[in-house]
Amino acid sequence: HRYPIYSSTTNGSWASSDTHSYFNIYYDDNVASDL
């Protein structure tokens, strides 16, 4: 089962089209509470 991870570095959205939109995902699994 998939569970979304919400944070400023794990998800983003864009309401309008922008060719040059981008997003850098960063998540440290070392500090995750589960596995």
Full PDB file with SEQRES, HELIX, SHEET, SSBOND, CRYST1, ORIGX, SCALE, CONECT and MASTER records, all heavy atoms in Angstrom:
SEQRES   1 A   35  HIS ARG TYR PRO ILE TYR SER SER THR THR ASN GLY SER          
SEQRES   2 A   35  TRP ALA SER SER ASP THR HIS SER TYR PHE ASN ILE TYR          
SEQRES   3 A   35  TYR ASP ASP ASN VAL ALA SER ASP LEU                          
HELIX    1 AA1 ASP A   29  VAL A   31  5                                   3    
CRYST1    1.000    1.000    1.000  90.00  90.00  90.00 P 1           1          
ORIGX1      1.000000  0.000000  0.000000        0.00000                         
ORIGX2      0.000000  1.000000  0.000000        0.00000                         
ORIGX3      0.000000  0.000000  1.000000        0.00000                         
SCALE1      1.000000  0.000000  0.000000        0.00000                         
SCALE2      0.000000  1.000000  0.000000        0.00000                         
SCALE3      0.000000  0.000000  1.000000        0.00000                         
ATOM      1  N   HIS A   1       0.834  -1.202   0.000  1.00  0.00           N  
ATOM      2  CA  HIS A   1       0.000   0.000   0.000  1.00  0.00           C  
ATOM      3  C   HIS A   1       0.874   1.260   0.000  1.00  0.00           C  
ATOM      4  O   HIS A   1       1.903   1.314   0.685  1.00  0.00           O  
ATOM      5  CB  HIS A   1      -0.919   0.020   1.227  1.00  0.00           C  
ATOM      6  CG  HIS A   1      -1.894  -1.122   1.266  1.00  0.00           C  
ATOM      7  ND1 HIS A   1      -3.013  -1.182   0.471  1.00  0.00           N  
ATOM      8  CD2 HIS A   1      -1.897  -2.257   2.011  1.00  0.00           C  
ATOM      9  CE1 HIS A   1      -3.678  -2.295   0.708  1.00  0.00           C  
ATOM     10  NE2 HIS A   1      -3.011  -2.976   1.651  1.00  0.00           N  
ATOM     11  N   ARG A   2       0.448   2.250  -0.754  1.00  0.00           N  
ATOM     12  CA  ARG A   2       1.184   3.503  -0.832  1.00  0.00           C  
ATOM     13  C   ARG A   2       0.673   4.501   0.216  1.00  0.00           C  
ATOM     14  O   ARG A   2      -0.539   4.679   0.375  1.00  0.00           O  
ATOM     15  CB  ARG A   2       1.038   4.131  -2.218  1.00  0.00           C  
ATOM     16  CG  ARG A   2       1.729   3.376  -3.333  1.00  0.00           C  
ATOM     17  CD  ARG A   2       1.639   4.172  -4.629  1.00  0.00           C  
ATOM     18  NE  ARG A   2       2.298   3.488  -5.730  1.00  0.00           N  
ATOM     19  CZ  ARG A   2       2.481   4.009  -6.919  1.00  0.00           C  
ATOM     20  NH1 ARG A   2       2.043   5.239  -7.181  1.00  0.00           N  
ATOM     21  NH2 ARG A   2       3.082   3.326  -7.878  1.00  0.00           N  
ATOM     22  N   TYR A   3       1.618   5.172   0.846  1.00  0.00           N  
ATOM     23  CA  TYR A   3       1.273   6.210   1.813  1.00  0.00           C  
ATOM     24  C   TYR A   3       2.059   7.470   1.467  1.00  0.00           C  
ATOM     25  O   TYR A   3       3.302   7.437   1.443  1.00  0.00           O  
ATOM     26  CB  TYR A   3       1.608   5.746   3.244  1.00  0.00           C  
ATOM     27  CG  TYR A   3       0.857   4.507   3.671  1.00  0.00           C  
ATOM     28  CD1 TYR A   3       1.419   3.239   3.471  1.00  0.00           C  
ATOM     29  CD2 TYR A   3      -0.398   4.597   4.233  1.00  0.00           C  
ATOM     30  CE1 TYR A   3       0.735   2.090   3.837  1.00  0.00           C  
ATOM     31  CE2 TYR A   3      -1.106   3.446   4.617  1.00  0.00           C  
ATOM     32  CZ  TYR A   3      -0.530   2.201   4.413  1.00  0.00           C  
ATOM     33  OH  TYR A   3      -1.224   1.068   4.769  1.00  0.00           O  
ATOM     34  N   PRO A   4       1.362   8.570   1.171  1.00  0.00           N  
ATOM     35  CA  PRO A   4       2.071   9.794   0.793  1.00  0.00           C  
ATOM     36  C   PRO A   4       2.859  10.381   1.957  1.00  0.00           C  
ATOM     37  O   PRO A   4       2.444  10.291   3.117  1.00  0.00           O  
ATOM     38  CB  PRO A   4       0.946  10.740   0.354  1.00  0.00           C  
ATOM     39  CG  PRO A   4      -0.275  10.229   1.049  1.00  0.00           C  
ATOM     40  CD  PRO A   4      -0.103   8.747   1.163  1.00  0.00           C  
ATOM     41  N   ILE A   5       3.994  10.950   1.627  1.00  0.00           N  
ATOM     42  CA  ILE A   5       4.828  11.627   2.626  1.00  0.00           C  
ATOM     43  C   ILE A   5       4.734  13.132   2.355  1.00  0.00           C  
ATOM     44  O   ILE A   5       5.185  13.615   1.316  1.00  0.00           O  
ATOM     45  CB  ILE A   5       6.289  11.163   2.534  1.00  0.00           C  
ATOM     46  CG1 ILE A   5       6.374   9.649   2.759  1.00  0.00           C  
ATOM     47  CG2 ILE A   5       7.162  11.910   3.543  1.00  0.00           C  
ATOM     48  CD1 ILE A   5       7.767   9.084   2.523  1.00  0.00           C  
ATOM     49  N   TYR A   6       4.133  13.842   3.264  1.00  0.00           N  
ATOM     50  CA  TYR A   6       3.920  15.277   3.061  1.00  0.00           C  
ATOM     51  C   TYR A   6       4.995  16.093   3.776  1.00  0.00           C  
ATOM     52  O   TYR A   6       5.177  15.979   4.982  1.00  0.00           O  
ATOM     53  CB  TYR A   6       2.540  15.695   3.592  1.00  0.00           C  
ATOM     54  CG  TYR A   6       1.391  15.114   2.811  1.00  0.00           C  
ATOM     55  CD1 TYR A   6       0.669  14.027   3.304  1.00  0.00           C  
ATOM     56  CD2 TYR A   6       1.012  15.651   1.583  1.00  0.00           C  
ATOM     57  CE1 TYR A   6      -0.398  13.494   2.598  1.00  0.00           C  
ATOM     58  CE2 TYR A   6      -0.047  15.126   0.867  1.00  0.00           C  
ATOM     59  CZ  TYR A   6      -0.746  14.051   1.379  1.00  0.00           C  
ATOM     60  OH  TYR A   6      -1.798  13.522   0.668  1.00  0.00           O  
ATOM     61  N   SER A   7       5.703  16.877   2.997  1.00  0.00           N  
ATOM     62  CA  SER A   7       6.644  17.848   3.556  1.00  0.00           C  
ATOM     63  C   SER A   7       7.042  18.797   2.436  1.00  0.00           C  
ATOM     64  O   SER A   7       6.709  18.571   1.260  1.00  0.00           O  
ATOM     65  CB  SER A   7       7.892  17.153   4.132  1.00  0.00           C  
ATOM     66  OG  SER A   7       8.771  16.782   3.091  1.00  0.00           O  
ATOM     67  N   SER A   8       7.748  19.842   2.770  1.00  0.00           N  
ATOM     68  CA  SER A   8       8.153  20.833   1.776  1.00  0.00           C  
ATOM     69  C   SER A   8       9.170  20.277   0.788  1.00  0.00           C  
ATOM     70  O   SER A   8       9.402  20.873  -0.271  1.00  0.00           O  
ATOM     71  CB  SER A   8       8.733  22.071   2.472  1.00  0.00           C  
ATOM     72  OG  SER A   8       9.871  21.707   3.247  1.00  0.00           O  
ATOM     73  N   THR A   9       9.767  19.127   1.103  1.00  0.00           N  
ATOM     74  CA  THR A   9      10.782  18.555   0.217  1.00  0.00           C  
ATOM     75  C   THR A   9      10.367  17.209  -0.386  1.00  0.00           C  
ATOM     76  O   THR A   9      11.171  16.537  -1.024  1.00  0.00           O  
ATOM     77  CB  THR A   9      12.114  18.361   0.972  1.00  0.00           C  
ATOM     78  OG1 THR A   9      11.904  17.475   2.070  1.00  0.00           O  
ATOM     79  CG2 THR A   9      12.660  19.692   1.461  1.00  0.00           C  
ATOM     80  N   THR A  10       9.093  16.823  -0.175  1.00  0.00           N  
ATOM     81  CA  THR A  10       8.644  15.532  -0.708  1.00  0.00           C  
ATOM     82  C   THR A  10       7.409  15.631  -1.594  1.00  0.00           C  
ATOM     83  O   THR A  10       7.052  14.641  -2.241  1.00  0.00           O  
ATOM     84  CB  THR A  10       8.340  14.545   0.436  1.00  0.00           C  
ATOM     85  OG1 THR A  10       7.359  15.137   1.311  1.00  0.00           O  
ATOM     86  CG2 THR A  10       9.605  14.209   1.211  1.00  0.00           C  
ATOM     87  N   ASN A  11       6.736  16.763  -1.632  1.00  0.00           N  
ATOM     88  CA  ASN A  11       5.596  16.881  -2.531  1.00  0.00           C  
ATOM     89  C   ASN A  11       5.375  18.345  -2.930  1.00  0.00           C  
ATOM     90  O   ASN A  11       5.690  19.272  -2.182  1.00  0.00           O  
ATOM     91  CB  ASN A  11       4.319  16.315  -1.901  1.00  0.00           C  
ATOM     92  CG  ASN A  11       3.765  17.185  -0.787  1.00  0.00           C  
ATOM     93  OD1 ASN A  11       4.300  17.196   0.319  1.00  0.00           O  
ATOM     94  ND2 ASN A  11       2.708  17.917  -1.082  1.00  0.00           N  
ATOM     95  N   GLY A  12       4.860  18.511  -4.145  1.00  0.00           N  
ATOM     96  CA  GLY A  12       4.573  19.852  -4.648  1.00  0.00           C  
ATOM     97  C   GLY A  12       3.478  19.793  -5.687  1.00  0.00           C  
ATOM     98  O   GLY A  12       3.176  18.728  -6.237  1.00  0.00           O  
ATOM     99  N   SER A  13       2.848  20.943  -5.982  1.00  0.00           N  
ATOM    100  CA  SER A  13       1.806  21.000  -7.002  1.00  0.00           C  
ATOM    101  C   SER A  13       1.823  22.368  -7.670  1.00  0.00           C  
ATOM    102  O   SER A  13       2.258  23.363  -7.077  1.00  0.00           O  
ATOM    103  CB  SER A  13       0.433  20.725  -6.385  1.00  0.00           C  
ATOM    104  OG  SER A  13       0.099  21.703  -5.417  1.00  0.00           O  
ATOM    105  N   TRP A  14       1.343  22.403  -8.922  1.00  0.00           N  
ATOM    106  CA  TRP A  14       1.332  23.621  -9.725  1.00  0.00           C  
ATOM    107  C   TRP A  14      -0.055  23.781 -10.340  1.00  0.00           C  
ATOM    108  O   TRP A  14      -0.531  22.892 -11.055  1.00  0.00           O  
ATOM    109  CB  TRP A  14       2.389  23.553 -10.826  1.00  0.00           C  
ATOM    110  CG  TRP A  14       3.787  23.538 -10.299  1.00  0.00           C  
ATOM    111  CD1 TRP A  14       4.650  24.581 -10.246  1.00  0.00           C  
ATOM    112  CD2 TRP A  14       4.488  22.430  -9.718  1.00  0.00           C  
ATOM    113  NE1 TRP A  14       5.839  24.197  -9.674  1.00  0.00           N  
ATOM    114  CE2 TRP A  14       5.774  22.884  -9.337  1.00  0.00           C  
ATOM    115  CE3 TRP A  14       4.152  21.091  -9.485  1.00  0.00           C  
ATOM    116  CZ2 TRP A  14       6.706  22.048  -8.742  1.00  0.00           C  
ATOM    117  CZ3 TRP A  14       5.074  20.257  -8.882  1.00  0.00           C  
ATOM    118  CH2 TRP A  14       6.340  20.736  -8.521  1.00  0.00           C  
ATOM    119  N   ALA A  15      -0.706  24.898 -10.076  1.00  0.00           N  
ATOM    120  CA  ALA A  15      -2.071  25.119 -10.554  1.00  0.00           C  
ATOM    121  C   ALA A  15      -2.120  25.473 -12.031  1.00  0.00           C  
ATOM    122  O   ALA A  15      -3.123  25.230 -12.700  1.00  0.00           O  
ATOM    123  CB  ALA A  15      -2.746  26.228  -9.732  1.00  0.00           C  
ATOM    124  N   SER A  16      -1.049  26.036 -12.551  1.00  0.00           N  
ATOM    125  CA  SER A  16      -1.036  26.441 -13.958  1.00  0.00           C  
ATOM    126  C   SER A  16       0.221  25.925 -14.644  1.00  0.00           C  
ATOM    127  O   SER A  16       1.208  25.581 -13.996  1.00  0.00           O  
ATOM    128  CB  SER A  16      -1.110  27.963 -14.079  1.00  0.00           C  
ATOM    129  OG  SER A  16      -0.028  28.575 -13.395  1.00  0.00           O  
ATOM    130  N   SER A  17       0.160  25.891 -15.955  1.00  0.00           N  
ATOM    131  CA  SER A  17       1.257  25.345 -16.752  1.00  0.00           C  
ATOM    132  C   SER A  17       2.493  26.243 -16.694  1.00  0.00           C  
ATOM    133  O   SER A  17       2.395  27.461 -16.822  1.00  0.00           O  
ATOM    134  CB  SER A  17       0.795  25.196 -18.198  1.00  0.00           C  
ATOM    135  OG  SER A  17       1.858  24.821 -19.033  1.00  0.00           O  
ATOM    136  N   ASP A  18       3.649  25.616 -16.490  1.00  0.00           N  
ATOM    137  CA  ASP A  18       4.926  26.331 -16.486  1.00  0.00           C  
ATOM    138  C   ASP A  18       5.999  25.368 -17.002  1.00  0.00           C  
ATOM    139  O   ASP A  18       6.394  24.437 -16.310  1.00  0.00           O  
ATOM    140  CB  ASP A  18       5.272  26.813 -15.077  1.00  0.00           C  
ATOM    141  CG  ASP A  18       6.624  27.514 -15.000  1.00  0.00           C  
ATOM    142  OD1 ASP A  18       7.275  27.685 -16.057  1.00  0.00           O  
ATOM    143  OD2 ASP A  18       7.041  27.879 -13.886  1.00  0.00           O  
ATOM    144  N   THR A  19       6.445  25.612 -18.211  1.00  0.00           N  
ATOM    145  CA  THR A  19       7.429  24.728 -18.841  1.00  0.00           C  
ATOM    146  C   THR A  19       8.644  24.492 -17.964  1.00  0.00           C  
ATOM    147  O   THR A  19       9.187  23.390 -17.906  1.00  0.00           O  
ATOM    148  CB  THR A  19       7.881  25.326 -20.190  1.00  0.00           C  
ATOM    149  OG1 THR A  19       6.767  25.337 -21.083  1.00  0.00           O  
ATOM    150  CG2 THR A  19       9.004  24.507 -20.808  1.00  0.00           C  
ATOM    151  N   HIS A  20       9.085  25.521 -17.267  1.00  0.00           N  
ATOM    152  CA  HIS A  20      10.334  25.435 -16.506  1.00  0.00           C  
ATOM    153  C   HIS A  20      10.119  25.124 -15.022  1.00  0.00           C  
ATOM    154  O   HIS A  20      11.020  25.330 -14.204  1.00  0.00           O  
ATOM    155  CB  HIS A  20      11.121  26.745 -16.659  1.00  0.00           C  
ATOM    156  CG  HIS A  20      11.440  27.064 -18.091  1.00  0.00           C  
ATOM    157  ND1 HIS A  20      12.198  26.247 -18.880  1.00  0.00           N  
ATOM    158  CD2 HIS A  20      11.061  28.108 -18.875  1.00  0.00           C  
ATOM    159  CE1 HIS A  20      12.299  26.760 -20.091  1.00  0.00           C  
ATOM    160  NE2 HIS A  20      11.620  27.881 -20.118  1.00  0.00           N  
ATOM    161  N   SER A  21       8.960  24.618 -14.678  1.00  0.00           N  
ATOM    162  CA  SER A  21       8.723  24.208 -13.296  1.00  0.00           C  
ATOM    163  C   SER A  21       9.588  22.994 -12.967  1.00  0.00           C  
ATOM    164  O   SER A  21       9.869  22.163 -13.820  1.00  0.00           O  
ATOM    165  CB  SER A  21       7.241  23.857 -13.096  1.00  0.00           C  
ATOM    166  OG  SER A  21       6.824  22.907 -14.063  1.00  0.00           O  
ATOM    167  N   TYR A  22      10.022  22.930 -11.719  1.00  0.00           N  
ATOM    168  CA  TYR A  22      10.836  21.787 -11.278  1.00  0.00           C  
ATOM    169  C   TYR A  22      10.656  21.609  -9.776  1.00  0.00           C  
ATOM    170  O   TYR A  22      10.129  22.485  -9.075  1.00  0.00           O  
ATOM    171  CB  TYR A  22      12.311  22.011 -11.611  1.00  0.00           C  
ATOM    172  CG  TYR A  22      12.979  23.113 -10.812  1.00  0.00           C  
ATOM    173  CD1 TYR A  22      13.624  22.837  -9.608  1.00  0.00           C  
ATOM    174  CD2 TYR A  22      12.939  24.429 -11.249  1.00  0.00           C  
ATOM    175  CE1 TYR A  22      14.223  23.839  -8.859  1.00  0.00           C  
ATOM    176  CE2 TYR A  22      13.526  25.445 -10.512  1.00  0.00           C  
ATOM    177  CZ  TYR A  22      14.176  25.142  -9.321  1.00  0.00           C  
ATOM    178  OH  TYR A  22      14.757  26.148  -8.583  1.00  0.00           O  
ATOM    179  N   PHE A  23      11.098  20.446  -9.297  1.00  0.00           N  
ATOM    180  CA  PHE A  23      11.000  20.173  -7.863  1.00  0.00           C  
ATOM    181  C   PHE A  23      12.117  19.227  -7.474  1.00  0.00           C  
ATOM    182  O   PHE A  23      12.354  18.218  -8.153  1.00  0.00           O  
ATOM    183  CB  PHE A  23       9.649  19.546  -7.519  1.00  0.00           C  
ATOM    184  CG  PHE A  23       9.381  19.439  -6.043  1.00  0.00           C  
ATOM    185  CD1 PHE A  23       8.917  20.536  -5.334  1.00  0.00           C  
ATOM    186  CD2 PHE A  23       9.587  18.244  -5.360  1.00  0.00           C  
ATOM    187  CE1 PHE A  23       8.662  20.443  -3.966  1.00  0.00           C  
ATOM    188  CE2 PHE A  23       9.346  18.140  -4.012  1.00  0.00           C  
ATOM    189  CZ  PHE A  23       8.882  19.245  -3.302  1.00  0.00           C  
ATOM    190  N   ASN A  24      12.799  19.553  -6.388  1.00  0.00           N  
ATOM    191  CA  ASN A  24      13.870  18.708  -5.862  1.00  0.00           C  
ATOM    192  C   ASN A  24      13.362  17.967  -4.631  1.00  0.00           C  
ATOM    193  O   ASN A  24      12.977  18.593  -3.638  1.00  0.00           O  
ATOM    194  CB  ASN A  24      15.097  19.540  -5.516  1.00  0.00           C  
ATOM    195  CG  ASN A  24      15.760  20.122  -6.749  1.00  0.00           C  
ATOM    196  OD1 ASN A  24      15.831  19.473  -7.789  1.00  0.00           O  
ATOM    197  ND2 ASN A  24      16.231  21.364  -6.662  1.00  0.00           N  
ATOM    198  N   ILE A  25      13.362  16.646  -4.716  1.00  0.00           N  
ATOM    199  CA  ILE A  25      12.897  15.814  -3.606  1.00  0.00           C  
ATOM    200  C   ILE A  25      14.081  15.433  -2.721  1.00  0.00           C  
ATOM    201  O   ILE A  25      15.118  14.988  -3.219  1.00  0.00           O  
ATOM    202  CB  ILE A  25      12.229  14.532  -4.135  1.00  0.00           C  
ATOM    203  CG1 ILE A  25      10.955  14.881  -4.900  1.00  0.00           C  
ATOM    204  CG2 ILE A  25      11.923  13.564  -2.993  1.00  0.00           C  
ATOM    205  CD1 ILE A  25      10.301  13.676  -5.542  1.00  0.00           C  
ATOM    206  N   TYR A  26      13.885  15.627  -1.429  1.00  0.00           N  
ATOM    207  CA  TYR A  26      14.926  15.222  -0.475  1.00  0.00           C  
ATOM    208  C   TYR A  26      14.244  14.558   0.719  1.00  0.00           C  
ATOM    209  O   TYR A  26      13.326  15.115   1.321  1.00  0.00           O  
ATOM    210  CB  TYR A  26      15.749  16.415   0.000  1.00  0.00           C  
ATOM    211  CG  TYR A  26      16.895  16.013   0.900  1.00  0.00           C  
ATOM    212  CD1 TYR A  26      18.132  15.651   0.371  1.00  0.00           C  
ATOM    213  CD2 TYR A  26      16.726  15.975   2.285  1.00  0.00           C  
ATOM    214  CE1 TYR A  26      19.178  15.266   1.199  1.00  0.00           C  
ATOM    215  CE2 TYR A  26      17.763  15.579   3.122  1.00  0.00           C  
ATOM    216  CZ  TYR A  26      18.986  15.224   2.566  1.00  0.00           C  
ATOM    217  OH  TYR A  26      20.020  14.825   3.383  1.00  0.00           O  
ATOM    218  N   TYR A  27      14.702  13.348   1.023  1.00  0.00           N  
ATOM    219  CA  TYR A  27      14.136  12.638   2.160  1.00  0.00           C  
ATOM    220  C   TYR A  27      15.206  11.739   2.765  1.00  0.00           C  
ATOM    221  O   TYR A  27      15.852  10.961   2.055  1.00  0.00           O  
ATOM    222  CB  TYR A  27      12.935  11.794   1.728  1.00  0.00           C  
ATOM    223  CG  TYR A  27      12.227  11.111   2.865  1.00  0.00           C  
ATOM    224  CD1 TYR A  27      11.418  11.834   3.738  1.00  0.00           C  
ATOM    225  CD2 TYR A  27      12.357   9.735   3.066  1.00  0.00           C  
ATOM    226  CE1 TYR A  27      10.749  11.214   4.776  1.00  0.00           C  
ATOM    227  CE2 TYR A  27      11.701   9.101   4.110  1.00  0.00           C  
ATOM    228  CZ  TYR A  27      10.907   9.848   4.962  1.00  0.00           C  
ATOM    229  OH  TYR A  27      10.252   9.236   6.015  1.00  0.00           O  
ATOM    230  N   ASP A  28      15.385  11.845   4.075  1.00  0.00           N  
ATOM    231  CA  ASP A  28      16.406  11.071   4.781  1.00  0.00           C  
ATOM    232  C   ASP A  28      15.746   9.867   5.443  1.00  0.00           C  
ATOM    233  O   ASP A  28      15.037   9.996   6.447  1.00  0.00           O  
ATOM    234  CB  ASP A  28      17.093  11.958   5.826  1.00  0.00           C  
ATOM    235  CG  ASP A  28      18.322  11.284   6.427  1.00  0.00           C  
ATOM    236  OD1 ASP A  28      18.500  10.069   6.236  1.00  0.00           O  
ATOM    237  OD2 ASP A  28      19.115  11.991   7.087  1.00  0.00           O  
ATOM    238  N   ASP A  29      15.975   8.707   4.882  1.00  0.00           N  
ATOM    239  CA  ASP A  29      15.377   7.479   5.417  1.00  0.00           C  
ATOM    240  C   ASP A  29      15.995   7.086   6.755  1.00  0.00           C  
ATOM    241  O   ASP A  29      15.408   6.327   7.524  1.00  0.00           O  
ATOM    242  CB  ASP A  29      15.560   6.338   4.403  1.00  0.00           C  
ATOM    243  CG  ASP A  29      14.875   5.064   4.831  1.00  0.00           C  
ATOM    244  OD1 ASP A  29      13.637   5.097   4.984  1.00  0.00           O  
ATOM    245  OD2 ASP A  29      15.570   4.045   5.026  1.00  0.00           O  
ATOM    246  N   ASN A  30      17.170   7.641   7.050  1.00  0.00           N  
ATOM    247  CA  ASN A  30      17.834   7.307   8.321  1.00  0.00           C  
ATOM    248  C   ASN A  30      17.022   7.769   9.528  1.00  0.00           C  
ATOM    249  O   ASN A  30      17.120   7.177  10.604  1.00  0.00           O  
ATOM    250  CB  ASN A  30      19.223   7.957   8.380  1.00  0.00           C  
ATOM    251  CG  ASN A  30      20.185   7.323   7.393  1.00  0.00           C  
ATOM    252  OD1 ASN A  30      20.505   6.152   7.504  1.00  0.00           O  
ATOM    253  ND2 ASN A  30      20.645   8.105   6.423  1.00  0.00           N  
ATOM    254  N   VAL A  31      16.256   8.843   9.343  1.00  0.00           N  
ATOM    255  CA  VAL A  31      15.501   9.397  10.478  1.00  0.00           C  
ATOM    256  C   VAL A  31      14.036   8.996  10.432  1.00  0.00           C  
ATOM    257  O   VAL A  31      13.231   9.464  11.244  1.00  0.00           O  
ATOM    258  CB  VAL A  31      15.622  10.935  10.510  1.00  0.00           C  
ATOM    259  CG1 VAL A  31      17.066  11.357  10.684  1.00  0.00           C  
ATOM    260  CG2 VAL A  31      15.042  11.554   9.243  1.00  0.00           C  
ATOM    261  N   ALA A  32      13.649   8.147   9.477  1.00  0.00           N  
ATOM    262  CA  ALA A  32      12.263   7.701   9.394  1.00  0.00           C  
ATOM    263  C   ALA A  32      11.916   6.836  10.590  1.00  0.00           C  
ATOM    264  O   ALA A  32      12.733   6.068  11.087  1.00  0.00           O  
ATOM    265  CB  ALA A  32      12.037   6.922   8.102  1.00  0.00           C  
ATOM    266  N   SER A  33      10.692   6.964  11.084  1.00  0.00           N  
ATOM    267  CA  SER A  33      10.280   6.215  12.270  1.00  0.00           C  
ATOM    268  C   SER A  33       9.932   4.769  11.947  1.00  0.00           C  
ATOM    269  O   SER A  33       9.984   3.901  12.810  1.00  0.00           O  
ATOM    270  CB  SER A  33       9.065   6.899  12.921  1.00  0.00           C  
ATOM    271  OG  SER A  33       7.994   6.978  11.989  1.00  0.00           O  
ATOM    272  N   ASP A  34       9.541   4.511  10.687  1.00  0.00           N  
ATOM    273  CA  ASP A  34       9.205   3.143  10.312  1.00  0.00           C  
ATOM    274  C   ASP A  34      10.165   2.669   9.222  1.00  0.00           C  
ATOM    275  O   ASP A  34      11.118   3.358   8.876  1.00  0.00           O  
ATOM    276  CB  ASP A  34       7.751   3.065   9.830  1.00  0.00           C  
ATOM    277  CG  ASP A  34       7.491   4.052   8.690  1.00  0.00           C  
ATOM    278  OD1 ASP A  34       8.432   4.762   8.280  1.00  0.00           O  
ATOM    279  OD2 ASP A  34       6.350   4.121   8.212  1.00  0.00           O  
ATOM    280  N   LEU A  35       9.910   1.507   8.691  1.00  0.00           N  
ATOM    281  CA  LEU A  35      10.815   0.948   7.690  1.00  0.00           C  
ATOM    282  C   LEU A  35       9.995   0.447   6.494  1.00  0.00           C  
ATOM    283  O   LEU A  35       9.626  -0.727   6.436  1.00  0.00           O  
ATOM    284  CB  LEU A  35      11.625  -0.197   8.296  1.00  0.00           C  
ATOM    285  CG  LEU A  35      12.822  -0.686   7.475  1.00  0.00           C  
ATOM    286  CD1 LEU A  35      13.831   0.434   7.264  1.00  0.00           C  
ATOM    287  CD2 LEU A  35      13.482  -1.877   8.161  1.00  0.00           C  
TER     288      LEU A  35                                                      
MASTER        0    0    0    1    0    0    0    6  287    1    0    3          
END                                                                             
